[in-house]
Amino acid sequence: MKAKSTKKIDWDKVDAIPEDSYNYDEAPELTEEFLKIAFIRKPTQKKPVSLRLDDDIIDFFKRTNEHYQTKINDVLRAYKLAYEKTHH
């Protein structure tokens, strides 16, 4: 597993980049459909748990995302939000 970076972002340096030099070619289009499902992920305190998952599930998330535990959390959060929307 890769060690977490301790390098801090220099926001003044980021703010100094002229906006007309940004490359938006790979940015997703902000469609109405996207905005219906988008949500802001606020930092929350995590609770360590022991969870048994099938090998293929763990392999999939590890293969497709460096931060696979965060991605699993994101998927579970999306399920929770969808469930709450339909089962108020």
C-alpha atoms as a PDB file:
ATOM      1  CA  MET A   1       0.000   0.000   0.000  1.00  0.00           C
ATOM      2  CA  LYS A   2       1.254   3.474  -0.897  1.00  0.00           C
ATOM      3  CA  ALA A   3       2.137   5.789   1.994  1.00  0.00           C
ATOM      4  CA  LYS A   4      -0.011   8.894   2.403  1.00  0.00           C
ATOM      5  CA  SER A   5       1.535  12.076   1.103  1.00  0.00           C
ATOM      6  CA  THR A   6       2.462  14.615   3.738  1.00  0.00           C
ATOM      7  CA  LYS A   7       2.974  17.326   1.130  1.00  0.00           C
ATOM      8  CA  LYS A   8       0.646  20.288   1.680  1.00  0.00           C
ATOM      9  CA  ILE A   9      -1.043  22.039  -1.217  1.00  0.00           C
ATOM     10  CA  ASP A  10       0.116  25.614  -1.757  1.00  0.00           C
ATOM     11  CA  TRP A  11      -3.273  27.206  -2.504  1.00  0.00           C
ATOM     12  CA  ASP A  12      -1.713  30.616  -3.216  1.00  0.00           C
ATOM     13  CA  LYS A  13       0.301  28.962  -5.990  1.00  0.00           C
ATOM     14  CA  VAL A  14      -2.834  27.241  -7.310  1.00  0.00           C
ATOM     15  CA  ASP A  15      -4.799  30.508  -7.220  1.00  0.00           C
ATOM     16  CA  ALA A  16      -2.002  32.206  -9.186  1.00  0.00           C
ATOM     17  CA  ILE A  17      -2.534  29.916 -12.204  1.00  0.00           C
ATOM     18  CA  PRO A  18      -4.417  31.872 -14.898  1.00  0.00           C
ATOM     19  CA  GLU A  19      -7.854  30.374 -15.443  1.00  0.00           C
ATOM     20  CA  ASP A  20      -7.481  30.507 -19.233  1.00  0.00           C
ATOM     21  CA  SER A  21      -4.628  27.984 -18.934  1.00  0.00           C
ATOM     22  CA  TYR A  22      -6.915  25.307 -17.413  1.00  0.00           C
ATOM     23  CA  ASN A  23      -7.513  22.234 -19.554  1.00  0.00           C
ATOM     24  CA  TYR A  24     -11.107  21.067 -19.219  1.00  0.00           C
ATOM     25  CA  ASP A  25     -10.908  18.413 -21.960  1.00  0.00           C
ATOM     26  CA  GLU A  26     -11.147  15.518 -19.503  1.00  0.00           C
ATOM     27  CA  ALA A  27     -13.644  17.137 -17.129  1.00  0.00           C
ATOM     28  CA  PRO A  28     -17.073  15.488 -17.165  1.00  0.00           C
ATOM     29  CA  GLU A  29     -19.920  17.525 -18.609  1.00  0.00           C
ATOM     30  CA  LEU A  30     -22.223  18.911 -15.928  1.00  0.00           C
ATOM     31  CA  THR A  31     -25.503  17.599 -17.302  1.00  0.00           C
ATOM     32  CA  GLU A  32     -28.886  17.686 -15.535  1.00  0.00           C
ATOM     33  CA  GLU A  33     -28.588  13.908 -14.997  1.00  0.00           C
ATOM     34  CA  PHE A  34     -25.171  14.310 -13.384  1.00  0.00           C
ATOM     35  CA  LEU A  35     -26.427  17.079 -11.104  1.00  0.00           C
ATOM     36  CA  LYS A  36     -29.359  14.889  -9.984  1.00  0.00           C
ATOM     37  CA  ILE A  37     -26.995  12.243  -8.597  1.00  0.00           C
ATOM     38  CA  ALA A  38     -24.031  14.410  -7.564  1.00  0.00           C
ATOM     39  CA  PHE A  39     -23.351  15.107  -3.926  1.00  0.00           C
ATOM     40  CA  ILE A  40     -20.659  16.788  -1.892  1.00  0.00           C
ATOM     41  CA  ARG A  41     -18.541  14.416   0.130  1.00  0.00           C
ATOM     42  CA  LYS A  42     -17.691  16.143   3.364  1.00  0.00           C
ATOM     43  CA  PRO A  43     -14.824  14.811   5.458  1.00  0.00           C
ATOM     44  CA  THR A  44     -16.174  12.683   8.259  1.00  0.00           C
ATOM     45  CA  GLN A  45     -14.538  10.768  11.018  1.00  0.00           C
ATOM     46  CA  LYS A  46     -14.050   7.160  10.014  1.00  0.00           C
ATOM     47  CA  LYS A  47     -14.640   4.237  12.321  1.00  0.00           C
ATOM     48  CA  PRO A  48     -12.424   1.173  11.844  1.00  0.00           C
ATOM     49  CA  VAL A  49     -14.436  -1.993  11.291  1.00  0.00           C
ATOM     50  CA  SER A  50     -13.751  -5.581  10.392  1.00  0.00           C
ATOM     51  CA  LEU A  51     -15.791  -6.579   7.370  1.00  0.00           C
ATOM     52  CA  ARG A  52     -15.848  -9.860   5.472  1.00  0.00           C
ATOM     53  CA  LEU A  53     -16.160  -9.385   1.715  1.00  0.00           C
ATOM     54  CA  ASP A  54     -15.876 -11.807  -1.170  1.00  0.00           C
ATOM     55  CA  ASP A  55     -12.412 -12.090  -2.743  1.00  0.00           C
ATOM     56  CA  ASP A  56     -13.617 -10.878  -6.143  1.00  0.00           C
ATOM     57  CA  ILE A  57     -15.106  -7.733  -4.588  1.00  0.00           C
ATOM     58  CA  ILE A  58     -11.855  -6.815  -2.836  1.00  0.00           C
ATOM     59  CA  ASP A  59      -9.831  -7.678  -5.970  1.00  0.00           C
ATOM     60  CA  PHE A  60     -12.085  -5.476  -8.114  1.00  0.00           C
ATOM     61  CA  PHE A  61     -11.795  -2.429  -5.870  1.00  0.00           C
ATOM     62  CA  LYS A  62      -8.040  -2.853  -5.382  1.00  0.00           C
ATOM     63  CA  ARG A  63      -7.543  -3.252  -9.134  1.00  0.00           C
ATOM     64  CA  THR A  64      -9.667  -0.248 -10.089  1.00  0.00           C
ATOM     65  CA  ASN A  65      -8.778   2.266  -7.406  1.00  0.00           C
ATOM     66  CA  GLU A  66      -5.651   3.013  -5.392  1.00  0.00           C
ATOM     67  CA  HIS A  67      -7.825   4.186  -2.486  1.00  0.00           C
ATOM     68  CA  TYR A  68     -10.093   1.178  -2.615  1.00  0.00           C
ATOM     69  CA  GLN A  69     -11.352   1.440   0.981  1.00  0.00           C
ATOM     70  CA  THR A  70     -12.535   4.993   0.334  1.00  0.00           C
ATOM     71  CA  LYS A  71     -14.186   3.853  -2.894  1.00  0.00           C
ATOM     72  CA  ILE A  72     -15.998   1.018  -1.077  1.00  0.00           C
ATOM     73  CA  ASN A  73     -17.195   3.618   1.447  1.00  0.00           C
ATOM     74  CA  ASP A  74     -18.387   5.836  -1.451  1.00  0.00           C
ATOM     75  CA  VAL A  75     -20.350   2.952  -2.974  1.00  0.00           C
ATOM     76  CA  LEU A  76     -21.968   2.138   0.362  1.00  0.00           C
ATOM     77  CA  ARG A  77     -22.820   5.825   0.895  1.00  0.00           C
ATOM     78  CA  ALA A  78     -24.406   6.052  -2.569  1.00  0.00           C
ATOM     79  CA  TYR A  79     -26.504   2.974  -1.762  1.00  0.00           C
ATOM     80  CA  LYS A  80     -27.543   4.493   1.591  1.00  0.00           C
ATOM     81  CA  LEU A  81     -28.554   7.806  -0.053  1.00  0.00           C
ATOM     82  CA  ALA A  82     -30.506   6.023  -2.805  1.00  0.00           C
ATOM     83  CA  TYR A  83     -32.254   3.834  -0.230  1.00  0.00           C
ATOM     84  CA  GLU A  84     -33.167   6.826   1.923  1.00  0.00           C
ATOM     85  CA  LYS A  85     -34.556   8.666  -1.119  1.00  0.00           C
ATOM     86  CA  THR A  86     -36.887   5.797  -1.961  1.00  0.00           C
ATOM     87  CA  HIS A  87     -37.827   4.659   1.565  1.00  0.00           C
ATOM     88  CA  HIS A  88     -38.496   7.863   3.447  1.00  0.00           C
END
